[in-house]
Amino acid sequence: AALTQNPQFQKLQKWYREHGSDLNLRRLFEGDKERFSHFSLNLNTSHGHILVDYSKNLVTDTVMQMLVDLAKSRGVEAARDRMFSGEKINFTEERAVLHVALRNRSNTPILVDGKDVMPEVNRVLEKMKSFCQRVRSGEWKGYSGKPITDVINIGIGGSDLGPLMVTEALKPYSSGGPRVWFVSNIDGTHIAKTLATLNPESSLFIIASKTFTTQETITNAETAKEWFLLSAKDPSAVAKHFVALSTNTSKVKEFGIDPQNMFEFWDWVGGRYSL
């Protein structure tokens, strides 16, 4: 049944119509001095401590209970379990939804069509780690023998926002390493302004496109390649300055990127789950 027909949803909607205008964050905190502890969770996981703080949301005990009841009535817990077990819950494309496999540090087998995907996931993660270490250490050299000073991510949507958020969040903990830039806008001004500050001899471009046909991304990638070749002159030098995140080996190769420098992912990872 449609969400709007769900009795729990209708109950929540009715409550909001009657009380929603009274919800004010400042008053909620003034009315409950312990609001932070009442509306937050501390999770001690094997990977460290996680604080989940939802006290700054416009919720009360009543609202939280109605939200939990709604989630249960919609079968959210069962859907979560089906997702983790590799069922094809993306019914529009008949695919599993397994971005969780990329974060599976326990290496518990995760099956898609009866095959454990974890060995492949771990292979690509190791390949990424090795590549990053080579770039950061200066072992990876550009066409003129200079180490990489700037990394430019060209992508859109999930191929831009997730990596950008992580880069900004972890910046205070970074020591050394190249500067990182993000180009997503198809408006030529964005990439032109970025390239104007860079040295082609020490720049590395990451072209992030699942299909390698995304118009905005490939347009910017072609612009970057043209700019690079004005300096390098040699098309074979592209392989030292461009890498790809993609599933389309032939298109990546056609662009001039060495398939060895392509970091693949799978059709069961949606772009919006880019972390």
C-alpha atoms as a PDB file:
ATOM      1  CA  ALA A   1       0.000   0.000   0.000  1.00  0.00           C
ATOM      2  CA  ALA A   2       1.068   3.583  -0.593  1.00  0.00           C
ATOM      3  CA  LEU A   3       2.788   5.328   2.314  1.00  0.00           C
ATOM      4  CA  THR A   4       0.024   7.934   2.457  1.00  0.00           C
ATOM      5  CA  GLN A   5      -2.522   5.158   3.083  1.00  0.00           C
ATOM      6  CA  ASN A   6      -0.555   3.755   6.027  1.00  0.00           C
ATOM      7  CA  PRO A   7      -2.407   4.311   9.350  1.00  0.00           C
ATOM      8  CA  GLN A   8       0.879   5.038  11.176  1.00  0.00           C
ATOM      9  CA  PHE A   9       1.788   7.671   8.600  1.00  0.00           C
ATOM     10  CA  GLN A  10      -1.664   9.228   8.827  1.00  0.00           C
ATOM     11  CA  LYS A  11      -1.333   9.341  12.613  1.00  0.00           C
ATOM     12  CA  LEU A  12       2.032  11.124  12.303  1.00  0.00           C
ATOM     13  CA  GLN A  13       0.607  13.537   9.746  1.00  0.00           C
ATOM     14  CA  LYS A  14      -2.387  14.330  11.972  1.00  0.00           C
ATOM     15  CA  TRP A  15      -0.092  14.992  14.949  1.00  0.00           C
ATOM     16  CA  TYR A  16       2.050  17.319  12.839  1.00  0.00           C
ATOM     17  CA  ARG A  17      -0.958  19.285  11.604  1.00  0.00           C
ATOM     18  CA  GLU A  18      -2.091  19.782  15.206  1.00  0.00           C
ATOM     19  CA  HIS A  19       1.288  20.354  16.908  1.00  0.00           C
ATOM     20  CA  GLY A  20       3.925  20.990  14.224  1.00  0.00           C
ATOM     21  CA  SER A  21       3.790  24.773  14.478  1.00  0.00           C
ATOM     22  CA  ASP A  22       4.648  24.503  18.206  1.00  0.00           C
ATOM     23  CA  LEU A  23       7.947  22.710  17.556  1.00  0.00           C
ATOM     24  CA  ASN A  24      10.798  25.084  18.303  1.00  0.00           C
ATOM     25  CA  LEU A  25      14.304  23.779  18.881  1.00  0.00           C
ATOM     26  CA  ARG A  26      15.286  26.404  21.436  1.00  0.00           C
ATOM     27  CA  ARG A  27      12.124  25.782  23.484  1.00  0.00           C
ATOM     28  CA  LEU A  28      12.625  22.016  23.273  1.00  0.00           C
ATOM     29  CA  PHE A  29      16.093  22.386  24.822  1.00  0.00           C
ATOM     30  CA  GLU A  30      14.861  24.868  27.436  1.00  0.00           C
ATOM     31  CA  GLY A  31      12.031  22.499  28.396  1.00  0.00           C
ATOM     32  CA  ASP A  32      14.346  19.511  28.813  1.00  0.00           C
ATOM     33  CA  LYS A  33      17.810  20.222  30.185  1.00  0.00           C
ATOM     34  CA  GLU A  34      18.739  16.584  29.511  1.00  0.00           C
ATOM     35  CA  ARG A  35      17.542  16.658  25.889  1.00  0.00           C
ATOM     36  CA  PHE A  36      20.974  15.804  24.487  1.00  0.00           C
ATOM     37  CA  SER A  37      21.276  12.612  26.558  1.00  0.00           C
ATOM     38  CA  HIS A  38      17.605  11.712  25.926  1.00  0.00           C
ATOM     39  CA  PHE A  39      17.970  12.059  22.163  1.00  0.00           C
ATOM     40  CA  SER A  40      21.405  10.619  21.448  1.00  0.00           C
ATOM     41  CA  LEU A  41      23.003   7.182  21.373  1.00  0.00           C
ATOM     42  CA  ASN A  42      26.532   6.014  22.114  1.00  0.00           C
ATOM     43  CA  LEU A  43      27.596   3.007  20.093  1.00  0.00           C
ATOM     44  CA  ASN A  44      30.776   1.203  21.070  1.00  0.00           C
ATOM     45  CA  THR A  45      31.739  -0.815  18.015  1.00  0.00           C
ATOM     46  CA  SER A  46      34.790  -2.941  17.292  1.00  0.00           C
ATOM     47  CA  HIS A  47      35.992  -0.068  15.073  1.00  0.00           C
ATOM     48  CA  GLY A  48      35.596   2.621  17.707  1.00  0.00           C
ATOM     49  CA  HIS A  49      33.059   4.853  19.377  1.00  0.00           C
ATOM     50  CA  ILE A  50      30.182   6.426  17.409  1.00  0.00           C
ATOM     51  CA  LEU A  51      27.918   9.159  18.743  1.00  0.00           C
ATOM     52  CA  VAL A  52      24.498   9.410  17.091  1.00  0.00           C
ATOM     53  CA  ASP A  53      23.021  12.767  18.090  1.00  0.00           C
ATOM     54  CA  TYR A  54      19.478  13.478  16.912  1.00  0.00           C
ATOM     55  CA  SER A  55      18.648  16.002  19.650  1.00  0.00           C
ATOM     56  CA  LYS A  56      18.849  18.880  17.145  1.00  0.00           C
ATOM     57  CA  ASN A  57      15.956  17.460  15.139  1.00  0.00           C
ATOM     58  CA  LEU A  58      12.393  18.644  15.686  1.00  0.00           C
ATOM     59  CA  VAL A  59      11.306  15.486  17.508  1.00  0.00           C
ATOM     60  CA  THR A  60       9.753  14.637  20.853  1.00  0.00           C
ATOM     61  CA  ASP A  61       9.305  11.282  22.606  1.00  0.00           C
ATOM     62  CA  THR A  62       5.856  11.065  21.009  1.00  0.00           C
ATOM     63  CA  VAL A  63       7.195  11.794  17.530  1.00  0.00           C
ATOM     64  CA  MET A  64      10.044   9.289  17.916  1.00  0.00           C
ATOM     65  CA  GLN A  65       7.624   6.553  18.944  1.00  0.00           C
ATOM     66  CA  MET A  66       5.390   7.299  15.955  1.00  0.00           C
ATOM     67  CA  LEU A  67       8.410   7.240  13.615  1.00  0.00           C
ATOM     68  CA  VAL A  68       9.547   3.875  15.013  1.00  0.00           C
ATOM     69  CA  ASP A  69       6.009   2.490  14.682  1.00  0.00           C
ATOM     70  CA  LEU A  70       5.874   3.734  11.086  1.00  0.00           C
ATOM     71  CA  ALA A  71       9.241   2.136  10.240  1.00  0.00           C
ATOM     72  CA  LYS A  72       8.115  -1.189  11.727  1.00  0.00           C
ATOM     73  CA  SER A  73       4.803  -1.076   9.880  1.00  0.00           C
ATOM     74  CA  ARG A  74       6.680  -0.526   6.602  1.00  0.00           C
ATOM     75  CA  GLY A  75       8.995  -3.494   7.225  1.00  0.00           C
ATOM     76  CA  VAL A  76      12.206  -1.440   7.359  1.00  0.00           C
ATOM     77  CA  GLU A  77      14.049  -3.988   9.540  1.00  0.00           C
ATOM     78  CA  ALA A  78      13.143  -6.871   7.234  1.00  0.00           C
ATOM     79  CA  ALA A  79      14.194  -4.811   4.185  1.00  0.00           C
ATOM     80  CA  ARG A  80      17.511  -4.024   5.867  1.00  0.00           C
ATOM     81  CA  ASP A  81      18.133  -7.738   6.445  1.00  0.00           C
ATOM     82  CA  ARG A  82      17.242  -8.508   2.815  1.00  0.00           C
ATOM     83  CA  MET A  83      19.701  -5.826   1.676  1.00  0.00           C
ATOM     84  CA  PHE A  84      22.557  -7.244   3.768  1.00  0.00           C
ATOM     85  CA  SER A  85      21.859 -10.758   2.504  1.00  0.00           C
ATOM     86  CA  GLY A  86      22.245  -9.689  -1.144  1.00  0.00           C
ATOM     87  CA  GLU A  87      18.616  -9.954  -2.232  1.00  0.00           C
ATOM     88  CA  LYS A  88      17.721  -7.868  -5.288  1.00  0.00           C
ATOM     89  CA  ILE A  89      15.794  -5.180  -3.427  1.00  0.00           C
ATOM     90  CA  ASN A  90      16.458  -2.672  -6.240  1.00  0.00           C
ATOM     91  CA  PHE A  91      13.420  -4.042  -8.066  1.00  0.00           C
ATOM     92  CA  THR A  92      13.441  -1.427 -10.856  1.00  0.00           C
ATOM     93  CA  GLU A  93      16.825  -2.671 -12.135  1.00  0.00           C
ATOM     94  CA  GLU A  94      16.683  -6.185 -10.656  1.00  0.00           C
ATOM     95  CA  ARG A  95      19.888  -5.647  -8.696  1.00  0.00           C
ATOM     96  CA  ALA A  96      21.249  -6.187  -5.220  1.00  0.00           C
ATOM     97  CA  VAL A  97      22.001  -3.059  -3.165  1.00  0.00           C
ATOM     98  CA  LEU A  98      25.358  -3.789  -1.602  1.00  0.00           C
ATOM     99  CA  HIS A  99      27.313  -0.616  -0.926  1.00  0.00           C
ATOM    100  CA  VAL A 100      27.558  -2.191   2.540  1.00  0.00           C
ATOM    101  CA  ALA A 101      29.968  -4.771   1.069  1.00  0.00           C
ATOM    102  CA  LEU A 102      32.495  -1.982   0.445  1.00  0.00           C
ATOM    103  CA  ARG A 103      32.461  -1.231   4.189  1.00  0.00           C
ATOM    104  CA  ASN A 104      32.485  -4.854   5.344  1.00  0.00           C
ATOM    105  CA  ARG A 105      35.662  -4.871   7.444  1.00  0.00           C
ATOM    106  CA  SER A 106      34.730  -8.190   9.071  1.00  0.00           C
ATOM    107  CA  ASN A 107      34.959  -9.984   5.695  1.00  0.00           C
ATOM    108  CA  THR A 108      31.774 -11.876   6.476  1.00  0.00           C
ATOM    109  CA  PRO A 109      30.798 -13.425   3.116  1.00  0.00           C
ATOM    110  CA  ILE A 110      28.191 -11.401   1.202  1.00  0.00           C
ATOM    111  CA  LEU A 111      26.574 -13.302  -1.642  1.00  0.00           C
ATOM    112  CA  VAL A 112      25.207 -12.049  -4.960  1.00  0.00           C
ATOM    113  CA  ASP A 113      23.676 -14.799  -7.090  1.00  0.00           C
ATOM    114  CA  GLY A 114      25.414 -17.325  -4.845  1.00  0.00           C
ATOM    115  CA  LYS A 115      28.899 -15.793  -5.250  1.00  0.00           C
ATOM    116  CA  ASP A 116      30.810 -14.154  -2.398  1.00  0.00           C
ATOM    117  CA  VAL A 117      31.713 -10.636  -3.575  1.00  0.00           C
ATOM    118  CA  MET A 118      34.183  -9.905  -0.765  1.00  0.00           C
ATOM    119  CA  PRO A 119      37.362 -11.249  -2.479  1.00  0.00           C
ATOM    120  CA  GLU A 120      36.797  -8.850  -5.414  1.00  0.00           C
ATOM    121  CA  VAL A 121      35.960  -5.946  -3.098  1.00  0.00           C
ATOM    122  CA  ASN A 122      39.129  -6.522  -1.070  1.00  0.00           C
ATOM    123  CA  ARG A 123      41.237  -6.799  -4.237  1.00  0.00           C
ATOM    124  CA  VAL A 124      40.096  -3.344  -5.438  1.00  0.00           C
ATOM    125  CA  LEU A 125      40.458  -1.791  -1.974  1.00  0.00           C
ATOM    126  CA  GLU A 126      44.048  -3.080  -1.777  1.00  0.00           C
ATOM    127  CA  LYS A 127      44.725  -1.752  -5.272  1.00  0.00           C
ATOM    128  CA  MET A 128      43.415   1.679  -4.184  1.00  0.00           C
ATOM    129  CA  LYS A 129      45.520   1.634  -1.024  1.00  0.00           C
ATOM    130  CA  SER A 130      48.690   0.755  -2.922  1.00  0.00           C
ATOM    131  CA  PHE A 131      48.029   3.453  -5.529  1.00  0.00           C
ATOM    132  CA  CYS A 132      47.362   6.130  -2.882  1.00  0.00           C
ATOM    133  CA  GLN A 133      50.568   5.233  -1.052  1.00  0.00           C
ATOM    134  CA  ARG A 134      52.566   5.562  -4.283  1.00  0.00           C
ATOM    135  CA  VAL A 135      51.077   9.005  -4.979  1.00  0.00           C
ATOM    136  CA  ARG A 136      51.501  10.307  -1.425  1.00  0.00           C
ATOM    137  CA  SER A 137      55.072   9.019  -1.088  1.00  0.00           C
ATOM    138  CA  GLY A 138      56.143  10.609  -4.375  1.00  0.00           C
ATOM    139  CA  GLU A 139      56.925   7.245  -5.975  1.00  0.00           C
ATOM    140  CA  TRP A 140      54.264   7.883  -8.641  1.00  0.00           C
ATOM    141  CA  LYS A 141      55.792  10.359 -11.086  1.00  0.00           C
ATOM    142  CA  GLY A 142      54.283  12.489 -13.835  1.00  0.00           C
ATOM    143  CA  TYR A 143      55.512  12.453 -17.439  1.00  0.00           C
ATOM    144  CA  SER A 144      58.396  14.844 -16.666  1.00  0.00           C
ATOM    145  CA  GLY A 145      59.491  12.950 -13.552  1.00  0.00           C
ATOM    146  CA  LYS A 146      57.852  15.272 -11.024  1.00  0.00           C
ATOM    147  CA  PRO A 147      55.825  13.870  -8.098  1.00  0.00           C
ATOM    148  CA  ILE A 148      52.111  14.648  -7.862  1.00  0.00           C
ATOM    149  CA  THR A 149      51.224  17.859  -6.006  1.00  0.00           C
ATOM    150  CA  ASP A 150      47.537  18.160  -6.943  1.00  0.00           C
ATOM    151  CA  VAL A 151      44.734  15.613  -7.329  1.00  0.00           C
ATOM    152  CA  ILE A 152      41.608  16.723  -9.193  1.00  0.00           C
ATOM    153  CA  ASN A 153      38.415  14.667  -8.866  1.00  0.00           C
ATOM    154  CA  ILE A 154      36.072  15.093 -11.834  1.00  0.00           C
ATOM    155  CA  GLY A 155      32.610  13.689 -11.175  1.00  0.00           C
ATOM    156  CA  ILE A 156      29.020  14.615 -10.472  1.00  0.00           C
ATOM    157  CA  GLY A 157      26.439  13.665  -7.856  1.00  0.00           C
ATOM    158  CA  GLY A 158      27.617  10.701  -5.803  1.00  0.00           C
ATOM    159  CA  SER A 159      30.951  10.740  -7.639  1.00  0.00           C
ATOM    160  CA  ASP A 160      31.580  14.236  -6.263  1.00  0.00           C
ATOM    161  CA  LEU A 161      29.634  14.943  -3.069  1.00  0.00           C
ATOM    162  CA  GLY A 162      30.707  11.925  -0.998  1.00  0.00           C
ATOM    163  CA  PRO A 163      34.456  12.209  -1.656  1.00  0.00           C
ATOM    164  CA  LEU A 164      34.242  15.996  -1.197  1.00  0.00           C
ATOM    165  CA  MET A 165      32.547  15.596   2.187  1.00  0.00           C
ATOM    166  CA  VAL A 166      35.103  13.049   3.410  1.00  0.00           C
ATOM    167  CA  THR A 167      38.016  15.181   2.196  1.00  0.00           C
ATOM    168  CA  GLU A 168      36.694  18.244   4.014  1.00  0.00           C
ATOM    169  CA  ALA A 169      35.863  16.257   7.168  1.00  0.00           C
ATOM    170  CA  LEU A 170      39.292  14.628   7.415  1.00  0.00           C
ATOM    171  CA  LYS A 171      41.357  17.657   6.351  1.00  0.00           C
ATOM    172  CA  PRO A 172      42.337  18.540   9.961  1.00  0.00           C
ATOM    173  CA  TYR A 173      43.834  15.047  10.365  1.00  0.00           C
ATOM    174  CA  SER A 174      45.832  15.095   7.139  1.00  0.00           C
ATOM    175  CA  SER A 175      49.592  15.527   7.206  1.00  0.00           C
ATOM    176  CA  GLY A 176      51.263  16.313   3.916  1.00  0.00           C
ATOM    177  CA  GLY A 177      50.053  14.733   0.713  1.00  0.00           C
ATOM    178  CA  PRO A 178      48.771  16.481  -2.412  1.00  0.00           C
ATOM    179  CA  ARG A 179      46.161  19.223  -2.539  1.00  0.00           C
ATOM    180  CA  VAL A 180      42.728  17.959  -3.589  1.00  0.00           C
ATOM    181  CA  TRP A 181      40.290  19.698  -5.936  1.00  0.00           C
ATOM    182  CA  PHE A 182      36.749  18.820  -7.014  1.00  0.00           C
ATOM    183  CA  VAL A 183      35.193  19.756 -10.350  1.00  0.00           C
ATOM    184  CA  SER A 184      31.536  18.903 -10.958  1.00  0.00           C
ATOM    185  CA  ASN A 185      29.921  21.815 -12.787  1.00  0.00           C
ATOM    186  CA  ILE A 186      29.531  21.511 -16.569  1.00  0.00           C
ATOM    187  CA  ASP A 187      29.849  25.292 -16.735  1.00  0.00           C
ATOM    188  CA  GLY A 188      33.344  25.674 -18.200  1.00  0.00           C
ATOM    189  CA  THR A 189      34.230  28.377 -15.675  1.00  0.00           C
ATOM    190  CA  HIS A 190      34.572  25.822 -12.869  1.00  0.00           C
ATOM    191  CA  ILE A 191      37.224  23.699 -14.537  1.00  0.00           C
ATOM    192  CA  ALA A 192      38.924  26.698 -16.182  1.00  0.00           C
ATOM    193  CA  LYS A 193      39.428  28.412 -12.809  1.00  0.00           C
ATOM    194  CA  THR A 194      40.756  25.181 -11.294  1.00  0.00           C
ATOM    195  CA  LEU A 195      43.184  24.427 -14.131  1.00  0.00           C
ATOM    196  CA  ALA A 196      44.508  27.994 -14.103  1.00  0.00           C
ATOM    197  CA  THR A 197      46.150  27.344 -10.727  1.00  0.00           C
ATOM    198  CA  LEU A 198      47.688  23.962 -11.608  1.00  0.00           C
ATOM    199  CA  ASN A 199      50.866  22.603 -13.155  1.00  0.00           C
ATOM    200  CA  PRO A 200      50.115  19.846 -15.708  1.00  0.00           C
ATOM    201  CA  GLU A 201      53.434  18.141 -14.896  1.00  0.00           C
ATOM    202  CA  SER A 202      52.354  17.418 -11.312  1.00  0.00           C
ATOM    203  CA  SER A 203      48.556  17.079 -11.630  1.00  0.00           C
ATOM    204  CA  LEU A 204      46.639  13.819 -11.358  1.00  0.00           C
ATOM    205  CA  PHE A 205      43.016  13.603 -12.508  1.00  0.00           C
ATOM    206  CA  ILE A 206      40.498  11.097 -11.147  1.00  0.00           C
ATOM    207  CA  ILE A 207      37.627  10.635 -13.607  1.00  0.00           C
ATOM    208  CA  ALA A 208      34.722   9.213 -11.617  1.00  0.00           C
ATOM    209  CA  SER A 209      31.948   7.859 -13.810  1.00  0.00           C
ATOM    210  CA  LYS A 210      30.343   4.454 -13.478  1.00  0.00           C
ATOM    211  CA  THR A 211      29.477   4.212 -17.199  1.00  0.00           C
ATOM    212  CA  PHE A 212      32.171   6.618 -18.408  1.00  0.00           C
ATOM    213  CA  THR A 213      29.459   8.244 -20.517  1.00  0.00           C
ATOM    214  CA  THR A 214      28.090  10.806 -18.002  1.00  0.00           C
ATOM    215  CA  GLN A 215      27.933  13.952 -20.145  1.00  0.00           C
ATOM    216  CA  GLU A 216      28.974  16.498 -17.509  1.00  0.00           C
ATOM    217  CA  THR A 217      31.887  14.390 -16.264  1.00  0.00           C
ATOM    218  CA  ILE A 218      33.239  13.359 -19.661  1.00  0.00           C
ATOM    219  CA  THR A 219      32.975  16.936 -21.001  1.00  0.00           C
ATOM    220  CA  ASN A 220      35.098  18.174 -18.093  1.00  0.00           C
ATOM    221  CA  ALA A 221      37.471  15.210 -18.461  1.00  0.00           C
ATOM    222  CA  GLU A 222      38.014  15.987 -22.157  1.00  0.00           C
ATOM    223  CA  THR A 223      38.683  19.641 -21.272  1.00  0.00           C
ATOM    224  CA  ALA A 224      41.253  18.541 -18.682  1.00  0.00           C
ATOM    225  CA  LYS A 225      42.892  16.189 -21.192  1.00  0.00           C
ATOM    226  CA  GLU A 226      43.132  18.912 -23.857  1.00  0.00           C
ATOM    227  CA  TRP A 227      44.687  21.278 -21.296  1.00  0.00           C
ATOM    228  CA  PHE A 228      47.135  18.576 -20.218  1.00  0.00           C
ATOM    229  CA  LEU A 229      48.190  17.667 -23.779  1.00  0.00           C
ATOM    230  CA  LEU A 230      48.975  21.304 -24.598  1.00  0.00           C
ATOM    231  CA  SER A 231      51.880  20.830 -22.204  1.00  0.00           C
ATOM    232  CA  ALA A 232      52.673  17.111 -22.476  1.00  0.00           C
ATOM    233  CA  LYS A 233      52.295  16.891 -26.290  1.00  0.00           C
ATOM    234  CA  ASP A 234      52.377  13.076 -26.057  1.00  0.00           C
ATOM    235  CA  PRO A 235      49.025  11.188 -25.743  1.00  0.00           C
ATOM    236  CA  SER A 236      50.799   8.280 -24.022  1.00  0.00           C
ATOM    237  CA  ALA A 237      51.529  10.640 -21.085  1.00  0.00           C
ATOM    238  CA  VAL A 238      47.791  10.634 -20.258  1.00  0.00           C
ATOM    239  CA  ALA A 239      48.269   7.277 -18.521  1.00  0.00           C
ATOM    240  CA  LYS A 240      50.540   8.913 -15.914  1.00  0.00           C
ATOM    241  CA  HIS A 241      48.097  11.709 -15.098  1.00  0.00           C
ATOM    242  CA  PHE A 242      44.588  10.247 -15.430  1.00  0.00           C
ATOM    243  CA  VAL A 243      42.960   7.383 -13.525  1.00  0.00           C
ATOM    244  CA  ALA A 244      39.345   6.202 -13.550  1.00  0.00           C
ATOM    245  CA  LEU A 245      36.636   5.017 -11.197  1.00  0.00           C
ATOM    246  CA  SER A 246      34.377   3.126 -13.562  1.00  0.00           C
ATOM    247  CA  THR A 247      32.840  -0.134 -14.699  1.00  0.00           C
ATOM    248  CA  ASN A 248      33.417   0.497 -18.431  1.00  0.00           C
ATOM    249  CA  THR A 249      36.900  -0.764 -19.322  1.00  0.00           C
ATOM    250  CA  SER A 250      36.603  -0.152 -23.082  1.00  0.00           C
ATOM    251  CA  LYS A 251      35.572   3.515 -22.696  1.00  0.00           C
ATOM    252  CA  VAL A 252      38.302   4.100 -20.108  1.00  0.00           C
ATOM    253  CA  LYS A 253      40.888   2.630 -22.499  1.00  0.00           C
ATOM    254  CA  GLU A 254      39.515   4.692 -25.386  1.00  0.00           C
ATOM    255  CA  PHE A 255      40.022   7.854 -23.300  1.00  0.00           C
ATOM    256  CA  GLY A 256      43.711   6.981 -22.903  1.00  0.00           C
ATOM    257  CA  ILE A 257      43.694   5.669 -19.339  1.00  0.00           C
ATOM    258  CA  ASP A 258      45.615   2.474 -18.635  1.00  0.00           C
ATOM    259  CA  PRO A 259      43.061  -0.148 -17.429  1.00  0.00           C
ATOM    260  CA  GLN A 260      45.618  -0.962 -14.709  1.00  0.00           C
ATOM    261  CA  ASN A 261      44.757   2.476 -13.327  1.00  0.00           C
ATOM    262  CA  MET A 262      41.020   1.855 -13.362  1.00  0.00           C
ATOM    263  CA  PHE A 263      39.396   1.152 -10.021  1.00  0.00           C
ATOM    264  CA  GLU A 264      36.255  -0.778 -10.751  1.00  0.00           C
ATOM    265  CA  PHE A 265      33.057  -1.145  -8.789  1.00  0.00           C
ATOM    266  CA  TRP A 266      29.920  -3.102  -9.494  1.00  0.00           C
ATOM    267  CA  ASP A 267      26.349  -2.589 -10.655  1.00  0.00           C
ATOM    268  CA  TRP A 268      25.132  -3.341  -7.123  1.00  0.00           C
ATOM    269  CA  VAL A 269      26.699  -0.079  -5.879  1.00  0.00           C
ATOM    270  CA  GLY A 270      24.462   2.937  -6.490  1.00  0.00           C
ATOM    271  CA  GLY A 271      26.226   6.254  -7.122  1.00  0.00           C
ATOM    272  CA  ARG A 272      24.386   7.938  -4.271  1.00  0.00           C
ATOM    273  CA  TYR A 273      26.093   5.546  -1.833  1.00  0.00           C
ATOM    274  CA  SER A 274      29.527   6.921  -2.599  1.00  0.00           C
ATOM    275  CA  LEU A 275      30.976   6.523   0.903  1.00  0.00           C
END
